[in-house]
């Protein structure tokens, strides 16, 4: 009985380790996606601001 509990404990600990790794990987992927989205947004805002400046000069 004690041996079975020991095996079960080791198995549960391994499952926790695997779940922790999966959760950490997912969190890292979400962070990277957010950084990529922020960079894309900044680039789009810069391009649109530049186009607005060109349009303003061409109208004036």
Protein backbone atom coordinates (compact mmCIF):
# COMPACT_ATOMS: atom_id res chain seq x y z
CA UNK A 1 0.00 0.00 0.00
CA UNK A 2 2.79 2.41 0.88
CA UNK A 3 4.62 1.54 -2.34
CA UNK A 4 1.49 2.23 -4.41
CA UNK A 5 1.08 5.61 -2.72
CA UNK A 6 4.70 6.41 -3.50
CA UNK A 7 4.25 5.50 -7.16
CA UNK A 8 1.04 7.54 -7.30
CA UNK A 9 2.81 10.51 -5.73
CA UNK A 10 5.63 10.37 -8.28
CA UNK A 11 3.11 10.08 -11.10
CA UNK A 12 1.12 13.07 -9.82
CA UNK A 13 4.30 15.12 -9.47
CA UNK A 14 5.29 14.31 -13.07
CA UNK A 15 1.84 15.35 -14.28
CA UNK A 16 2.20 18.62 -12.36
CA UNK A 17 5.61 19.22 -13.93
CA UNK A 18 4.24 18.58 -17.42
CA UNK A 19 1.24 20.85 -16.81
CA UNK A 20 3.53 23.57 -15.48
CA UNK A 21 5.71 23.35 -18.58
CA UNK A 22 2.66 23.47 -20.84
CA UNK A 23 1.24 26.47 -18.96
CA UNK A 24 4.57 28.30 -19.09
CA UNK A 25 4.91 27.64 -22.81
CA UNK A 26 1.38 28.89 -23.44
CA UNK A 27 2.00 32.04 -21.39
CA UNK A 28 5.19 32.71 -23.34
CA UNK A 29 3.38 32.26 -26.66
CA UNK A 30 0.61 34.64 -25.58
CA UNK A 31 3.21 37.23 -24.54
CA UNK A 32 5.05 36.92 -27.85
CA UNK A 33 1.79 37.26 -29.80
CA UNK A 34 0.92 40.37 -27.81
CA UNK A 35 4.33 41.93 -28.50
CA UNK A 36 3.94 41.12 -32.20
CA UNK A 37 0.48 42.68 -32.27
CA UNK A 38 1.77 45.83 -30.54
CA UNK A 39 4.60 46.12 -33.07
CA UNK A 40 2.16 45.69 -35.95
CA UNK A 41 -0.12 48.35 -34.45
CA UNK A 42 2.76 50.80 -34.02
CA UNK A 43 3.88 50.22 -37.61
CA UNK A 44 0.37 50.73 -38.93
CA UNK A 45 -0.06 53.93 -36.91
CA UNK A 46 3.27 55.25 -38.21
CA UNK A 47 2.38 54.44 -41.82
CA UNK A 48 -1.04 56.05 -41.56
CA UNK A 49 0.43 59.15 -39.89
CA UNK A 50 2.94 59.44 -42.73
CA UNK A 51 0.19 59.07 -45.33
CA UNK A 52 -1.87 61.72 -43.53
CA UNK A 53 1.10 64.09 -43.62
CA UNK A 54 1.60 63.49 -47.35
CA UNK A 55 -2.11 64.04 -47.98
CA UNK A 56 -2.08 67.23 -45.92
CA UNK A 57 0.87 68.63 -47.88
CA UNK A 58 -0.60 67.63 -51.24
CA UNK A 59 -3.92 69.34 -50.44
CA UNK A 60 -2.31 72.56 -49.21
